[in-house]
Amino acid sequence: MEVQIVVFRLQNKWYGLYINRVKEIFPLVKITRVPRTPSYILGVINLRGTVVPVLSLHRLFGLPEPLSTEESRIIILTEQEGMFGVLADEISSVTKVGEDQIQTDIYEKYIDAFVKLPDRVVMVLKRQFKEELGWGNSKN
């Protein structure tokens, strides 16, 4: 069985997201900061009339802040509760990987699997960021 992942860069590390979670990818747009939100929530964007929160995985993972470049992208993801975006330094590819390339015995909060590609190892992110977005929190 093969799966497709979107491979993207944060600083000098490569991450992946399962393609079935990705709604779209587009260049960096203006992000409106929301007061009194955690530092890893960069703010919100207007996506064709829908307000969408955007997370900084750099801040969440303790990585240095990136400089915005021509390669910077926002990846829009879908969850049952709604959409959200994550900021990426660069999109590398959409890659098909086989079961023999995937290692899933990972015990890390945000990493679901490691994928072994010929030129790099990609850390595939877990499916949900509900806690970070405050989804499922009864106070919201």
N, C-alpha and C. Protein backbone atom coordinates (compact mmCIF):
# COMPACT_ATOMS: atom_id res chain seq x y z
N MET A 1 0.83 -1.18 0.00
CA MET A 1 0.00 0.00 0.00
C MET A 1 0.88 1.25 0.00
N GLU A 2 0.54 2.19 -0.85
CA GLU A 2 1.27 3.45 -0.92
C GLU A 2 0.42 4.57 -0.34
N VAL A 3 1.09 5.57 0.22
CA VAL A 3 0.42 6.79 0.67
C VAL A 3 1.17 7.97 0.06
N GLN A 4 0.48 9.10 -0.03
CA GLN A 4 1.13 10.31 -0.52
C GLN A 4 1.30 11.28 0.62
N ILE A 5 2.46 11.91 0.66
CA ILE A 5 2.72 12.93 1.67
C ILE A 5 3.20 14.21 0.99
N VAL A 6 2.82 15.34 1.58
CA VAL A 6 3.35 16.63 1.17
C VAL A 6 4.60 16.85 2.01
N VAL A 7 5.74 17.00 1.36
CA VAL A 7 7.01 17.19 2.05
C VAL A 7 7.33 18.68 2.08
N PHE A 8 7.62 19.20 3.29
CA PHE A 8 7.93 20.61 3.44
C PHE A 8 9.06 20.81 4.44
N ARG A 9 9.67 22.00 4.38
CA ARG A 9 10.83 22.30 5.22
C ARG A 9 10.48 23.32 6.28
N LEU A 10 10.98 23.07 7.50
CA LEU A 10 11.02 24.05 8.58
C LEU A 10 12.49 24.13 8.98
N GLN A 11 13.10 25.29 8.79
CA GLN A 11 14.54 25.45 9.00
C GLN A 11 15.25 24.40 8.15
N ASN A 12 16.09 23.56 8.76
CA ASN A 12 16.85 22.57 7.97
C ASN A 12 16.29 21.16 8.14
N LYS A 13 15.06 21.05 8.62
CA LYS A 13 14.45 19.74 8.82
C LYS A 13 13.26 19.57 7.87
N TRP A 14 13.03 18.33 7.48
CA TRP A 14 11.95 18.02 6.53
C TRP A 14 10.81 17.32 7.26
N TYR A 15 9.61 17.79 7.00
CA TYR A 15 8.40 17.26 7.61
C TYR A 15 7.44 16.84 6.50
N GLY A 16 6.43 16.08 6.89
CA GLY A 16 5.43 15.67 5.92
C GLY A 16 4.05 15.69 6.53
N LEU A 17 3.06 15.78 5.66
CA LEU A 17 1.65 15.70 6.03
C LEU A 17 0.98 14.75 5.04
N TYR A 18 0.10 13.91 5.55
CA TYR A 18 -0.63 13.02 4.65
C TYR A 18 -1.49 13.87 3.72
N ILE A 19 -1.46 13.57 2.44
CA ILE A 19 -2.12 14.39 1.43
C ILE A 19 -3.63 14.50 1.67
N ASN A 20 -4.24 13.48 2.25
CA ASN A 20 -5.68 13.53 2.46
C ASN A 20 -6.10 14.57 3.50
N ARG A 21 -5.16 15.11 4.24
CA ARG A 21 -5.44 16.18 5.21
C ARG A 21 -5.29 17.56 4.60
N VAL A 22 -4.56 17.66 3.48
CA VAL A 22 -4.22 18.96 2.89
C VAL A 22 -5.32 19.41 1.94
N LYS A 23 -5.87 20.58 2.23
CA LYS A 23 -6.91 21.15 1.37
C LYS A 23 -6.28 21.94 0.24
N GLU A 24 -5.30 22.78 0.58
CA GLU A 24 -4.60 23.57 -0.43
C GLU A 24 -3.32 24.15 0.14
N ILE A 25 -2.49 24.64 -0.75
CA ILE A 25 -1.22 25.28 -0.40
C ILE A 25 -1.14 26.57 -1.20
N PHE A 26 -0.76 27.66 -0.54
CA PHE A 26 -0.64 28.92 -1.27
C PHE A 26 0.44 29.81 -0.66
N PRO A 27 0.91 30.81 -1.41
CA PRO A 27 1.95 31.71 -0.90
C PRO A 27 1.48 32.46 0.35
N LEU A 28 2.45 32.90 1.12
CA LEU A 28 2.19 33.64 2.35
C LEU A 28 1.34 34.87 2.08
N VAL A 29 0.30 35.05 2.89
CA VAL A 29 -0.57 36.22 2.82
C VAL A 29 -0.53 36.91 4.18
N LYS A 30 -1.17 38.08 4.26
CA LYS A 30 -1.21 38.82 5.51
C LYS A 30 -1.94 38.01 6.58
N ILE A 31 -1.29 37.86 7.73
CA ILE A 31 -1.87 37.15 8.87
C ILE A 31 -2.21 38.19 9.93
N THR A 32 -3.45 38.19 10.39
CA THR A 32 -3.91 39.14 11.40
C THR A 32 -3.73 38.51 12.78
N ARG A 33 -2.92 39.16 13.61
CA ARG A 33 -2.66 38.67 14.97
C ARG A 33 -3.91 38.79 15.82
N VAL A 34 -4.16 37.80 16.66
CA VAL A 34 -5.31 37.80 17.57
C VAL A 34 -4.78 37.95 18.99
N PRO A 35 -5.23 38.96 19.72
CA PRO A 35 -4.73 39.17 21.09
C PRO A 35 -5.04 37.97 22.00
N ARG A 36 -4.15 37.77 22.96
CA ARG A 36 -4.31 36.79 24.02
C ARG A 36 -4.43 35.35 23.52
N THR A 37 -3.73 35.06 22.45
CA THR A 37 -3.65 33.68 21.96
C THR A 37 -2.24 33.18 22.22
N PRO A 38 -2.03 31.88 22.29
CA PRO A 38 -0.68 31.35 22.48
C PRO A 38 0.26 31.84 21.38
N SER A 39 1.53 31.95 21.69
CA SER A 39 2.51 32.50 20.73
C SER A 39 2.60 31.68 19.46
N TYR A 40 2.32 30.39 19.52
CA TYR A 40 2.42 29.55 18.31
C TYR A 40 1.23 29.74 17.37
N ILE A 41 0.20 30.45 17.80
CA ILE A 41 -0.88 30.82 16.88
C ILE A 41 -0.52 32.18 16.31
N LEU A 42 -0.12 32.18 15.04
CA LEU A 42 0.33 33.42 14.40
C LEU A 42 -0.81 34.41 14.24
N GLY A 43 -2.02 33.91 14.08
CA GLY A 43 -3.19 34.75 13.86
C GLY A 43 -4.16 34.04 12.94
N VAL A 44 -4.91 34.85 12.20
CA VAL A 44 -5.91 34.29 11.28
C VAL A 44 -5.75 34.91 9.90
N ILE A 45 -6.24 34.18 8.92
CA ILE A 45 -6.29 34.69 7.54
C ILE A 45 -7.73 34.59 7.06
N ASN A 46 -8.03 35.36 6.02
CA ASN A 46 -9.33 35.30 5.37
C ASN A 46 -9.17 34.44 4.12
N LEU A 47 -9.75 33.26 4.16
CA LEU A 47 -9.65 32.33 3.03
C LEU A 47 -11.01 32.29 2.34
N ARG A 48 -11.15 33.13 1.33
CA ARG A 48 -12.40 33.22 0.58
C ARG A 48 -13.62 33.34 1.48
N GLY A 49 -13.52 34.24 2.49
CA GLY A 49 -14.64 34.51 3.37
C GLY A 49 -14.69 33.68 4.64
N THR A 50 -13.77 32.74 4.79
CA THR A 50 -13.69 31.93 6.00
C THR A 50 -12.47 32.34 6.80
N VAL A 51 -12.65 32.60 8.10
CA VAL A 51 -11.54 32.95 8.97
C VAL A 51 -10.85 31.65 9.40
N VAL A 52 -9.55 31.56 9.12
CA VAL A 52 -8.78 30.33 9.35
C VAL A 52 -7.58 30.63 10.24
N PRO A 53 -7.44 29.94 11.39
CA PRO A 53 -6.25 30.15 12.23
C PRO A 53 -5.01 29.58 11.56
N VAL A 54 -3.85 30.22 11.82
CA VAL A 54 -2.58 29.77 11.26
C VAL A 54 -1.60 29.51 12.41
N LEU A 55 -1.03 28.31 12.43
CA LEU A 55 -0.06 27.92 13.45
C LEU A 55 1.37 28.10 12.95
N SER A 56 2.25 28.46 13.88
CA SER A 56 3.68 28.45 13.61
C SER A 56 4.26 27.16 14.19
N LEU A 57 4.57 26.21 13.33
CA LEU A 57 5.20 24.99 13.81
C LEU A 57 6.60 25.28 14.34
N HIS A 58 7.24 26.36 13.84
CA HIS A 58 8.54 26.77 14.35
C HIS A 58 8.44 27.02 15.85
N ARG A 59 7.47 27.82 16.25
CA ARG A 59 7.29 28.16 17.67
C ARG A 59 6.86 26.93 18.47
N LEU A 60 5.95 26.14 17.92
CA LEU A 60 5.45 24.97 18.61
C LEU A 60 6.57 23.95 18.86
N PHE A 61 7.48 23.81 17.90
CA PHE A 61 8.56 22.84 18.00
C PHE A 61 9.85 23.43 18.57
N GLY A 62 9.83 24.72 18.93
CA GLY A 62 11.02 25.35 19.51
C GLY A 62 12.13 25.62 18.50
N LEU A 63 11.76 25.86 17.25
CA LEU A 63 12.74 26.17 16.20
C LEU A 63 12.89 27.69 16.06
N PRO A 64 14.03 28.17 15.57
CA PRO A 64 14.18 29.61 15.33
C PRO A 64 13.14 30.12 14.33
N GLU A 65 12.75 31.37 14.51
CA GLU A 65 11.78 31.99 13.61
C GLU A 65 12.36 32.11 12.21
N PRO A 66 11.57 31.82 11.20
CA PRO A 66 12.08 31.93 9.83
C PRO A 66 11.92 33.36 9.30
N LEU A 67 12.67 33.64 8.28
CA LEU A 67 12.44 34.86 7.51
C LEU A 67 11.47 34.50 6.40
N SER A 68 10.50 35.36 6.14
CA SER A 68 9.58 35.10 5.03
C SER A 68 10.34 35.25 3.72
N THR A 69 10.16 34.26 2.84
CA THR A 69 10.83 34.29 1.54
C THR A 69 9.80 34.01 0.45
N GLU A 70 10.25 34.04 -0.78
CA GLU A 70 9.39 33.70 -1.92
C GLU A 70 8.89 32.26 -1.83
N GLU A 71 9.64 31.40 -1.13
CA GLU A 71 9.26 29.99 -1.00
C GLU A 71 8.31 29.73 0.16
N SER A 72 8.11 30.69 1.07
CA SER A 72 7.21 30.50 2.22
C SER A 72 5.80 30.19 1.74
N ARG A 73 5.15 29.25 2.42
CA ARG A 73 3.81 28.83 2.04
C ARG A 73 2.96 28.61 3.29
N ILE A 74 1.65 28.72 3.09
CA ILE A 74 0.69 28.32 4.11
C ILE A 74 0.01 27.05 3.59
N ILE A 75 0.03 26.02 4.42
CA ILE A 75 -0.62 24.76 4.08
C ILE A 75 -1.93 24.72 4.85
N ILE A 76 -3.04 24.63 4.14
CA ILE A 76 -4.35 24.57 4.77
C ILE A 76 -4.72 23.10 4.98
N LEU A 77 -5.03 22.77 6.23
CA LEU A 77 -5.38 21.41 6.60
C LEU A 77 -6.83 21.35 7.05
N THR A 78 -7.43 20.20 6.90
CA THR A 78 -8.81 20.02 7.35
C THR A 78 -8.87 19.01 8.48
N GLU A 79 -9.68 19.32 9.44
CA GLU A 79 -10.00 18.43 10.55
C GLU A 79 -11.52 18.40 10.65
N GLN A 80 -12.03 17.51 11.45
CA GLN A 80 -13.48 17.42 11.63
C GLN A 80 -14.04 18.75 12.14
N GLU A 81 -13.30 19.44 13.01
CA GLU A 81 -13.76 20.69 13.61
C GLU A 81 -13.64 21.89 12.69
N GLY A 82 -12.82 21.80 11.66
CA GLY A 82 -12.66 22.92 10.75
C GLY A 82 -11.31 22.91 10.07
N MET A 83 -10.97 24.07 9.49
CA MET A 83 -9.69 24.21 8.77
C MET A 83 -8.72 25.01 9.62
N PHE A 84 -7.43 24.79 9.37
CA PHE A 84 -6.39 25.63 9.95
C PHE A 84 -5.19 25.58 9.02
N GLY A 85 -4.31 26.55 9.17
CA GLY A 85 -3.12 26.61 8.34
C GLY A 85 -1.87 26.42 9.17
N VAL A 86 -0.82 25.94 8.52
CA VAL A 86 0.51 25.90 9.13
C VAL A 86 1.48 26.57 8.16
N LEU A 87 2.41 27.28 8.73
CA LEU A 87 3.41 28.00 7.94
C LEU A 87 4.57 27.06 7.62
N ALA A 88 4.99 27.03 6.36
CA ALA A 88 6.13 26.21 5.93
C ALA A 88 7.16 27.12 5.26
N ASP A 89 8.43 26.82 5.46
CA ASP A 89 9.50 27.60 4.82
C ASP A 89 9.55 27.34 3.32
N GLU A 90 9.21 26.10 2.95
CA GLU A 90 9.31 25.70 1.54
C GLU A 90 8.56 24.39 1.36
N ILE A 91 7.92 24.21 0.23
CA ILE A 91 7.30 22.93 -0.13
C ILE A 91 8.28 22.24 -1.06
N SER A 92 8.59 20.99 -0.76
CA SER A 92 9.52 20.24 -1.58
C SER A 92 8.79 19.47 -2.67
N SER A 93 7.79 18.66 -2.25
CA SER A 93 7.14 17.78 -3.22
C SER A 93 5.92 17.13 -2.61
N VAL A 94 5.16 16.48 -3.47
CA VAL A 94 4.16 15.51 -3.04
C VAL A 94 4.75 14.17 -3.47
N THR A 95 4.94 13.29 -2.49
CA THR A 95 5.70 12.07 -2.73
C THR A 95 4.89 10.84 -2.37
N LYS A 96 4.91 9.84 -3.25
CA LYS A 96 4.31 8.55 -2.94
C LYS A 96 5.35 7.71 -2.20
N VAL A 97 4.91 7.09 -1.10
CA VAL A 97 5.82 6.24 -0.34
C VAL A 97 5.15 4.90 -0.06
N GLY A 98 5.96 3.87 -0.06
CA GLY A 98 5.47 2.53 0.22
C GLY A 98 5.62 2.19 1.69
N GLU A 99 4.95 1.14 2.11
CA GLU A 99 4.99 0.71 3.51
C GLU A 99 6.41 0.45 3.99
N ASP A 100 7.27 -0.06 3.10
CA ASP A 100 8.65 -0.38 3.49
C ASP A 100 9.47 0.88 3.78
N GLN A 101 8.98 2.05 3.42
CA GLN A 101 9.69 3.31 3.67
C GLN A 101 9.21 4.00 4.95
N ILE A 102 8.17 3.46 5.57
CA ILE A 102 7.53 4.12 6.71
C ILE A 102 7.85 3.39 8.01
N GLN A 103 8.32 4.14 9.00
CA GLN A 103 8.56 3.61 10.33
C GLN A 103 7.57 4.28 11.28
N THR A 104 6.69 3.49 11.89
CA THR A 104 5.61 4.08 12.69
C THR A 104 5.74 3.86 14.20
N ASP A 105 6.76 3.18 14.65
CA ASP A 105 6.89 2.96 16.09
C ASP A 105 7.57 4.17 16.74
N ILE A 106 6.89 5.30 16.66
CA ILE A 106 7.40 6.58 17.15
C ILE A 106 6.58 6.98 18.38
N TYR A 107 7.26 7.45 19.40
CA TYR A 107 6.55 7.87 20.62
C TYR A 107 6.87 9.33 20.89
N GLU A 108 6.38 10.19 20.02
CA GLU A 108 6.60 11.63 20.11
C GLU A 108 5.26 12.31 19.92
N LYS A 109 5.03 13.39 20.63
CA LYS A 109 3.71 14.04 20.65
C LYS A 109 3.22 14.44 19.26
N TYR A 110 4.10 14.97 18.42
CA TYR A 110 3.66 15.52 17.14
C TYR A 110 4.02 14.67 15.92
N ILE A 111 4.87 13.67 16.10
CA ILE A 111 5.35 12.88 14.96
C ILE A 111 4.62 11.54 14.89
N ASP A 112 4.04 11.25 13.74
CA ASP A 112 3.30 10.01 13.51
C ASP A 112 4.21 8.91 12.95
N ALA A 113 5.15 9.32 12.09
CA ALA A 113 6.01 8.33 11.42
C ALA A 113 7.25 9.01 10.86
N PHE A 114 8.26 8.20 10.59
CA PHE A 114 9.42 8.64 9.82
C PHE A 114 9.30 7.98 8.46
N VAL A 115 9.59 8.74 7.41
CA VAL A 115 9.60 8.21 6.06
C VAL A 115 11.01 8.31 5.53
N LYS A 116 11.54 7.20 5.05
CA LYS A 116 12.90 7.15 4.52
C LYS A 116 12.86 7.36 3.01
N LEU A 117 13.34 8.52 2.58
CA LEU A 117 13.46 8.82 1.15
C LEU A 117 14.92 8.67 0.76
N PRO A 118 15.22 8.57 -0.53
CA PRO A 118 16.61 8.37 -0.94
C PRO A 118 17.57 9.46 -0.43
N ASP A 119 17.10 10.70 -0.34
CA ASP A 119 18.00 11.80 0.02
C ASP A 119 17.74 12.42 1.39
N ARG A 120 16.74 11.93 2.14
CA ARG A 120 16.44 12.52 3.44
C ARG A 120 15.45 11.65 4.22
N VAL A 121 15.34 11.97 5.50
CA VAL A 121 14.31 11.36 6.33
C VAL A 121 13.27 12.45 6.62
N VAL A 122 12.00 12.11 6.45
CA VAL A 122 10.90 13.06 6.64
C VAL A 122 10.12 12.63 7.87
N MET A 123 9.85 13.61 8.75
CA MET A 123 9.02 13.36 9.93
C MET A 123 7.58 13.71 9.58
N VAL A 124 6.71 12.71 9.55
CA VAL A 124 5.31 12.92 9.19
C VAL A 124 4.53 13.31 10.45
N LEU A 125 3.83 14.43 10.36
CA LEU A 125 3.12 14.95 11.53
C LEU A 125 1.85 14.17 11.80
N LYS A 126 1.51 14.11 13.08
CA LYS A 126 0.26 13.46 13.49
C LYS A 126 -0.92 14.21 12.93
N ARG A 127 -2.05 13.59 12.98
CA ARG A 127 -3.24 14.08 12.32
C ARG A 127 -3.86 15.30 12.97
N GLN A 128 -3.70 15.50 14.27
CA GLN A 128 -4.52 16.52 14.91
C GLN A 128 -3.68 17.52 15.71
N PHE A 129 -4.18 18.75 15.72
CA PHE A 129 -3.64 19.81 16.57
C PHE A 129 -4.79 20.41 17.37
N LYS A 130 -5.75 19.57 17.77
CA LYS A 130 -6.95 20.05 18.46
C LYS A 130 -6.60 20.81 19.74
N GLU A 131 -5.71 20.25 20.52
CA GLU A 131 -5.34 20.87 21.79
C GLU A 131 -4.72 22.24 21.57
N GLU A 132 -3.83 22.35 20.59
CA GLU A 132 -3.15 23.61 20.32
C GLU A 132 -4.11 24.68 19.80
N LEU A 133 -5.15 24.25 19.09
CA LEU A 133 -6.13 25.18 18.54
C LEU A 133 -7.27 25.48 19.51
N GLY A 134 -7.30 24.76 20.63
CA GLY A 134 -8.38 24.95 21.59
C GLY A 134 -9.66 24.26 21.19
N TRP A 135 -9.60 23.41 20.16
CA TRP A 135 -10.79 22.65 19.75
C TRP A 135 -10.98 21.52 20.74
N GLY A 136 -12.18 21.34 21.19
CA GLY A 136 -12.46 20.29 22.15
C GLY A 136 -12.27 20.78 23.57
N ASN A 137 -11.90 22.05 23.74
CA ASN A 137 -11.76 22.65 25.06
C ASN A 137 -13.10 23.24 25.44
N SER A 138 -13.68 22.79 26.52
CA SER A 138 -15.04 23.22 26.89
C SER A 138 -15.13 24.70 27.25
N LYS A 139 -13.99 25.36 27.46
CA LYS A 139 -14.01 26.78 27.79
C LYS A 139 -14.23 27.65 26.58
N ASN A 140 -14.09 27.09 25.37
CA ASN A 140 -14.23 27.89 24.15
C ASN A 140 -15.65 27.99 23.71
